[in-house]
Amino acid sequence: VPMGVLSCVKYLMFIFNVLVFAGGTCLVGVGVWVAVDPAGFQDIVAAKPVLSAGAYLLLAVGIALSLLGFLGCCGALRRSRPLLLV
């Protein structure tokens, strides 16, 4: 396999993982916003228990995606197979 192809794959993996990290960070931000100020979202979601559970679900999924994206970025840059397998 030519070296240029491996370098291209490395940077494509890095960019994809940056996008996953950014998406997870956005989900954490929305989850914190909903958890701190649920009044703005009560018009969208009528039931308050659903809103509270949704906020914590957004936080959990966002934190997991951010962690996976960060580990993927580190793994892509260092060419670390264990980090990429996580």
C-alpha atoms as a PDB file:
ATOM      1  CA  VAL A   1       0.000   0.000   0.000  1.00  0.00           C
ATOM      2  CA  PRO A   2       1.517   3.357  -0.995  1.00  0.00           C
ATOM      3  CA  MET A   3       2.454   5.720   1.818  1.00  0.00           C
ATOM      4  CA  GLY A   4       0.237   8.505   0.464  1.00  0.00           C
ATOM      5  CA  VAL A   5      -2.866   6.341   0.835  1.00  0.00           C
ATOM      6  CA  LEU A   6      -2.036   5.567   4.473  1.00  0.00           C
ATOM      7  CA  SER A   7      -1.500   9.242   5.205  1.00  0.00           C
ATOM      8  CA  CYS A   8      -4.820  10.136   3.571  1.00  0.00           C
ATOM      9  CA  VAL A   9      -6.652   7.472   5.601  1.00  0.00           C
ATOM     10  CA  LYS A  10      -4.980   8.743   8.778  1.00  0.00           C
ATOM     11  CA  TYR A  11      -6.191  12.297   8.237  1.00  0.00           C
ATOM     12  CA  LEU A  12      -9.668  11.185   7.126  1.00  0.00           C
ATOM     13  CA  MET A  13      -9.991   9.184  10.347  1.00  0.00           C
ATOM     14  CA  PHE A  14      -8.824  12.203  12.317  1.00  0.00           C
ATOM     15  CA  ILE A  15     -11.388  14.480  10.642  1.00  0.00           C
ATOM     16  CA  PHE A  16     -14.192  11.957  11.212  1.00  0.00           C
ATOM     17  CA  ASN A  17     -13.263  11.658  14.885  1.00  0.00           C
ATOM     18  CA  VAL A  18     -13.146  15.440  15.256  1.00  0.00           C
ATOM     19  CA  LEU A  19     -16.703  15.551  13.891  1.00  0.00           C
ATOM     20  CA  VAL A  20     -17.796  12.851  16.377  1.00  0.00           C
ATOM     21  CA  PHE A  21     -16.130  14.798  19.200  1.00  0.00           C
ATOM     22  CA  ALA A  22     -17.820  18.042  18.118  1.00  0.00           C
ATOM     23  CA  GLY A  23     -21.208  16.339  17.898  1.00  0.00           C
ATOM     24  CA  GLY A  24     -20.780  14.858  21.361  1.00  0.00           C
ATOM     25  CA  THR A  25     -19.773  18.224  22.753  1.00  0.00           C
ATOM     26  CA  CYS A  26     -22.872  19.812  21.218  1.00  0.00           C
ATOM     27  CA  LEU A  27     -25.064  17.112  22.763  1.00  0.00           C
ATOM     28  CA  VAL A  28     -23.489  17.760  26.167  1.00  0.00           C
ATOM     29  CA  GLY A  29     -24.168  21.469  25.738  1.00  0.00           C
ATOM     30  CA  VAL A  30     -27.826  20.902  24.850  1.00  0.00           C
ATOM     31  CA  GLY A  31     -28.190  18.405  27.704  1.00  0.00           C
ATOM     32  CA  VAL A  32     -26.792  20.889  30.216  1.00  0.00           C
ATOM     33  CA  TRP A  33     -29.019  23.618  28.808  1.00  0.00           C
ATOM     34  CA  VAL A  34     -32.138  21.460  29.141  1.00  0.00           C
ATOM     35  CA  ALA A  35     -31.162  20.287  32.634  1.00  0.00           C
ATOM     36  CA  VAL A  36     -30.452  23.831  33.895  1.00  0.00           C
ATOM     37  CA  ASP A  37     -33.302  25.706  32.165  1.00  0.00           C
ATOM     38  CA  PRO A  38     -36.121  23.292  31.294  1.00  0.00           C
ATOM     39  CA  ALA A  39     -38.704  26.096  30.973  1.00  0.00           C
ATOM     40  CA  GLY A  40     -37.747  26.813  27.358  1.00  0.00           C
ATOM     41  CA  PHE A  41     -38.298  23.185  26.352  1.00  0.00           C
ATOM     42  CA  GLN A  42     -41.611  22.571  28.134  1.00  0.00           C
ATOM     43  CA  ASP A  43     -43.496  23.821  25.081  1.00  0.00           C
ATOM     44  CA  ILE A  44     -41.828  21.146  22.929  1.00  0.00           C
ATOM     45  CA  VAL A  45     -42.112  18.282  25.432  1.00  0.00           C
ATOM     46  CA  ALA A  46     -45.313  18.336  27.459  1.00  0.00           C
ATOM     47  CA  ALA A  47     -44.322  15.848  30.169  1.00  0.00           C
ATOM     48  CA  LYS A  48     -41.718  17.100  32.615  1.00  0.00           C
ATOM     49  CA  PRO A  49     -40.360  13.609  33.548  1.00  0.00           C
ATOM     50  CA  VAL A  50     -39.656  12.957  29.874  1.00  0.00           C
ATOM     51  CA  LEU A  51     -37.794  16.256  29.675  1.00  0.00           C
ATOM     52  CA  SER A  52     -35.653  15.452  32.702  1.00  0.00           C
ATOM     53  CA  ALA A  53     -34.844  11.962  31.462  1.00  0.00           C
ATOM     54  CA  GLY A  54     -34.087  13.330  28.008  1.00  0.00           C
ATOM     55  CA  ALA A  55     -31.643  15.863  29.435  1.00  0.00           C
ATOM     56  CA  TYR A  56     -29.701  13.169  31.273  1.00  0.00           C
ATOM     57  CA  LEU A  57     -29.808  10.899  28.238  1.00  0.00           C
ATOM     58  CA  LEU A  58     -28.361  13.705  26.092  1.00  0.00           C
ATOM     59  CA  LEU A  59     -25.627  14.245  28.673  1.00  0.00           C
ATOM     60  CA  ALA A  60     -24.724  10.543  28.806  1.00  0.00           C
ATOM     61  CA  VAL A  61     -24.671  10.071  25.027  1.00  0.00           C
ATOM     62  CA  GLY A  62     -22.783  13.338  24.527  1.00  0.00           C
ATOM     63  CA  ILE A  63     -20.112  12.449  27.072  1.00  0.00           C
ATOM     64  CA  ALA A  64     -19.693   8.980  25.530  1.00  0.00           C
ATOM     65  CA  LEU A  65     -19.381  10.412  22.000  1.00  0.00           C
ATOM     66  CA  SER A  66     -16.944  13.096  23.127  1.00  0.00           C
ATOM     67  CA  LEU A  67     -14.759  10.512  24.833  1.00  0.00           C
ATOM     68  CA  LEU A  68     -14.831   8.183  21.832  1.00  0.00           C
ATOM     69  CA  GLY A  69     -14.078  11.039  19.444  1.00  0.00           C
ATOM     70  CA  PHE A  70     -11.155  12.217  21.570  1.00  0.00           C
ATOM     71  CA  LEU A  71      -9.686   8.720  21.834  1.00  0.00           C
ATOM     72  CA  GLY A  72     -10.186   8.256  18.096  1.00  0.00           C
ATOM     73  CA  CYS A  73      -8.334  11.502  17.343  1.00  0.00           C
ATOM     74  CA  CYS A  74      -5.429  10.468  19.538  1.00  0.00           C
ATOM     75  CA  GLY A  75      -5.410   6.989  17.994  1.00  0.00           C
ATOM     76  CA  ALA A  76      -5.473   8.327  14.444  1.00  0.00           C
ATOM     77  CA  LEU A  77      -2.629  10.773  15.020  1.00  0.00           C
ATOM     78  CA  ARG A  78      -0.431   8.290  16.888  1.00  0.00           C
ATOM     79  CA  ARG A  79      -1.478   5.324  14.717  1.00  0.00           C
ATOM     80  CA  SER A  80      -2.381   3.471  17.899  1.00  0.00           C
ATOM     81  CA  ARG A  81      -4.416   0.371  17.164  1.00  0.00           C
ATOM     82  CA  PRO A  82      -5.734  -0.074  20.762  1.00  0.00           C
ATOM     83  CA  LEU A  83      -7.043   3.504  20.865  1.00  0.00           C
ATOM     84  CA  LEU A  84      -8.756   3.074  17.517  1.00  0.00           C
ATOM     85  CA  LEU A  85     -10.321  -0.217  18.599  1.00  0.00           C
ATOM     86  CA  VAL A  86     -11.873   1.436  21.645  1.00  0.00           C
END
